[in-house]
Amino acid sequence: MTMDQSLKVKAGAIRSRNVLTRAERIARLKELDRFDEENSVVGMPKVRVVKVSLKKKKKVKKEEEGDKK
């Protein structure tokens, strides 16, 4: 049986998640030099998840008008 088009998620993996897996948190903490191998993984510090916002493209018309003058 096929799934209805309205139920399909087109960009599901693109969105940023607000919860990281333990392995992702450890990798991120190692990048920030905040992870110590001797400490327990149970009480790890929180890691901020950076939300990526896509910027809108500027219109090219303004540049073209400036070149013609």
N, C-alpha and C. Protein backbone atom coordinates (compact mmCIF):
# COMPACT_ATOMS: atom_id res chain seq x y z
N MET A 1 0.84 -1.18 0.00
CA MET A 1 0.00 0.00 0.00
C MET A 1 0.89 1.24 0.00
N THR A 2 0.54 2.24 -0.77
CA THR A 2 1.35 3.45 -0.85
C THR A 2 0.86 4.50 0.14
N MET A 3 1.76 5.43 0.45
CA MET A 3 1.44 6.50 1.39
C MET A 3 0.87 7.69 0.62
N ASP A 4 -0.12 8.34 1.19
CA ASP A 4 -0.72 9.51 0.56
C ASP A 4 0.31 10.64 0.49
N GLN A 5 0.25 11.46 -0.57
CA GLN A 5 1.21 12.53 -0.78
C GLN A 5 1.19 13.56 0.35
N SER A 6 0.06 13.80 0.96
CA SER A 6 -0.03 14.80 2.01
C SER A 6 0.67 14.36 3.29
N LEU A 7 0.90 13.07 3.44
CA LEU A 7 1.53 12.56 4.65
C LEU A 7 3.05 12.44 4.54
N LYS A 8 3.59 12.53 3.35
CA LYS A 8 5.03 12.39 3.16
C LYS A 8 5.74 13.66 3.62
N VAL A 9 6.89 13.47 4.24
CA VAL A 9 7.71 14.58 4.69
C VAL A 9 8.82 14.77 3.66
N LYS A 10 8.83 15.94 3.02
CA LYS A 10 9.79 16.18 1.95
C LYS A 10 11.17 16.54 2.50
N ALA A 11 11.22 17.33 3.55
CA ALA A 11 12.50 17.79 4.08
C ALA A 11 12.65 17.39 5.54
N GLY A 12 12.43 16.14 5.85
CA GLY A 12 12.46 15.69 7.23
C GLY A 12 13.83 15.74 7.87
N ALA A 13 14.87 15.39 7.14
CA ALA A 13 16.20 15.33 7.71
C ALA A 13 16.91 16.68 7.70
N ILE A 14 16.35 17.66 7.04
CA ILE A 14 17.01 18.95 6.93
C ILE A 14 16.83 19.78 8.20
N ARG A 15 15.72 19.65 8.85
CA ARG A 15 15.44 20.43 10.04
C ARG A 15 16.40 20.08 11.16
N SER A 16 16.72 21.05 12.01
CA SER A 16 17.62 20.79 13.12
C SER A 16 16.82 20.16 14.27
N ARG A 17 17.46 19.21 14.91
CA ARG A 17 16.82 18.53 16.04
C ARG A 17 17.21 19.24 17.33
N ASN A 18 16.36 19.18 18.32
CA ASN A 18 16.69 19.82 19.58
C ASN A 18 17.27 18.83 20.58
N VAL A 19 17.39 17.56 20.23
CA VAL A 19 17.96 16.55 21.10
C VAL A 19 19.04 15.81 20.33
N LEU A 20 20.24 15.72 20.90
CA LEU A 20 21.32 14.99 20.28
C LEU A 20 21.46 13.62 20.93
N THR A 21 21.97 12.67 20.18
CA THR A 21 22.27 11.36 20.76
C THR A 21 23.52 11.50 21.63
N ARG A 22 23.78 10.50 22.45
CA ARG A 22 24.93 10.57 23.34
C ARG A 22 26.23 10.68 22.55
N ALA A 23 26.33 9.92 21.46
CA ALA A 23 27.54 9.95 20.65
C ALA A 23 27.73 11.33 20.02
N GLU A 24 26.65 11.96 19.58
CA GLU A 24 26.74 13.30 19.00
C GLU A 24 27.14 14.34 20.06
N ARG A 25 26.61 14.17 21.27
CA ARG A 25 26.98 15.09 22.35
C ARG A 25 28.44 14.96 22.71
N ILE A 26 28.93 13.73 22.76
CA ILE A 26 30.34 13.51 23.09
C ILE A 26 31.23 14.11 22.01
N ALA A 27 30.86 13.89 20.74
CA ALA A 27 31.65 14.45 19.64
C ALA A 27 31.66 15.97 19.71
N ARG A 28 30.52 16.58 20.00
CA ARG A 28 30.43 18.04 20.08
C ARG A 28 31.24 18.57 21.27
N LEU A 29 31.19 17.88 22.41
CA LEU A 29 31.96 18.30 23.58
C LEU A 29 33.46 18.16 23.33
N LYS A 30 33.87 17.14 22.58
CA LYS A 30 35.29 16.99 22.25
C LYS A 30 35.75 18.13 21.36
N GLU A 31 34.90 18.58 20.43
CA GLU A 31 35.24 19.73 19.59
C GLU A 31 35.45 20.98 20.43
N LEU A 32 34.64 21.12 21.48
CA LEU A 32 34.71 22.30 22.35
C LEU A 32 35.72 22.13 23.48
N ASP A 33 36.39 20.98 23.54
CA ASP A 33 37.36 20.65 24.60
C ASP A 33 36.71 20.71 25.99
N ARG A 34 35.49 20.23 26.10
CA ARG A 34 34.78 20.21 27.38
C ARG A 34 34.52 18.79 27.87
N PHE A 35 34.97 17.77 27.12
CA PHE A 35 34.70 16.39 27.49
C PHE A 35 35.97 15.77 28.05
N ASP A 36 35.85 15.15 29.22
CA ASP A 36 36.96 14.46 29.85
C ASP A 36 36.67 12.97 29.82
N GLU A 37 37.61 12.19 29.32
CA GLU A 37 37.43 10.74 29.17
C GLU A 37 37.23 10.05 30.52
N GLU A 38 37.75 10.63 31.60
CA GLU A 38 37.67 10.00 32.91
C GLU A 38 36.30 10.16 33.56
N ASN A 39 35.56 11.20 33.20
CA ASN A 39 34.26 11.45 33.81
C ASN A 39 33.21 10.50 33.25
N SER A 40 32.14 10.34 34.00
CA SER A 40 31.04 9.49 33.58
C SER A 40 30.24 10.16 32.47
N VAL A 41 29.63 9.36 31.60
CA VAL A 41 28.82 9.91 30.53
C VAL A 41 27.40 10.22 31.01
N VAL A 42 27.09 9.85 32.25
CA VAL A 42 25.74 10.05 32.77
C VAL A 42 25.48 11.52 33.09
N GLY A 43 26.45 12.24 33.60
CA GLY A 43 26.24 13.63 34.01
C GLY A 43 26.88 14.63 33.06
N MET A 44 26.78 14.40 31.78
CA MET A 44 27.43 15.28 30.81
C MET A 44 26.78 16.65 30.79
N PRO A 45 27.56 17.70 30.49
CA PRO A 45 26.96 19.03 30.39
C PRO A 45 26.10 19.14 29.15
N LYS A 46 25.20 20.12 29.18
CA LYS A 46 24.31 20.33 28.05
C LYS A 46 25.09 20.92 26.88
N VAL A 47 24.60 20.64 25.69
CA VAL A 47 25.22 21.15 24.47
C VAL A 47 24.17 21.93 23.71
N ARG A 48 24.52 23.15 23.36
CA ARG A 48 23.59 23.99 22.60
C ARG A 48 23.55 23.52 21.16
N VAL A 49 22.34 23.38 20.64
CA VAL A 49 22.15 22.98 19.25
C VAL A 49 21.94 24.24 18.43
N VAL A 50 22.79 24.45 17.46
CA VAL A 50 22.72 25.65 16.63
C VAL A 50 21.67 25.42 15.55
N LYS A 51 20.71 26.31 15.50
CA LYS A 51 19.68 26.23 14.48
C LYS A 51 20.16 26.97 13.24
N VAL A 52 20.07 26.31 12.12
CA VAL A 52 20.52 26.90 10.87
C VAL A 52 19.35 27.60 10.22
N SER A 53 19.51 28.87 9.95
CA SER A 53 18.47 29.61 9.26
C SER A 53 18.95 29.93 7.86
N LEU A 54 18.13 29.67 6.90
CA LEU A 54 18.49 29.94 5.52
C LEU A 54 18.20 31.39 5.18
N LYS A 55 19.18 32.05 4.61
CA LYS A 55 19.00 33.44 4.25
C LYS A 55 18.38 33.52 2.86
N LYS A 56 17.54 34.51 2.67
CA LYS A 56 16.92 34.70 1.37
C LYS A 56 17.92 35.36 0.43
N LYS A 57 17.85 34.98 -0.81
CA LYS A 57 18.75 35.55 -1.81
C LYS A 57 18.31 36.98 -2.13
N LYS A 58 19.29 37.85 -2.28
CA LYS A 58 18.99 39.23 -2.62
C LYS A 58 18.63 39.30 -4.10
N LYS A 59 17.82 40.26 -4.42
CA LYS A 59 17.39 40.41 -5.81
C LYS A 59 18.55 40.95 -6.65
N VAL A 60 18.68 40.46 -7.84
CA VAL A 60 19.77 40.83 -8.73
C VAL A 60 19.45 42.11 -9.50
N LYS A 61 18.20 42.52 -9.53
CA LYS A 61 17.79 43.69 -10.30
C LYS A 61 18.55 44.95 -9.86
N LYS A 62 18.76 45.13 -8.59
CA LYS A 62 19.42 46.33 -8.09
C LYS A 62 20.85 46.41 -8.60
N GLU A 63 21.54 45.28 -8.67
CA GLU A 63 22.91 45.28 -9.18
C GLU A 63 22.93 45.60 -10.67
N GLU A 64 21.99 45.06 -11.41
CA GLU A 64 21.95 45.31 -12.85
C GLU A 64 21.66 46.78 -13.14
N GLU A 65 20.78 47.40 -12.37
CA GLU A 65 20.46 48.80 -12.58
C GLU A 65 21.67 49.68 -12.26
N GLY A 66 22.46 49.31 -11.27
CA GLY A 66 23.64 50.08 -10.91
C GLY A 66 24.72 50.00 -11.99
N ASP A 67 24.81 48.87 -12.68
CA ASP A 67 25.81 48.70 -13.74
C ASP A 67 25.46 49.51 -14.98
N LYS A 68 24.20 49.74 -15.28
CA LYS A 68 23.77 50.43 -16.50
C LYS A 68 24.03 51.94 -16.40
N LYS A 69 24.08 52.47 -15.19
CA LYS A 69 24.25 53.93 -15.01
C LYS A 69 25.61 54.39 -15.36
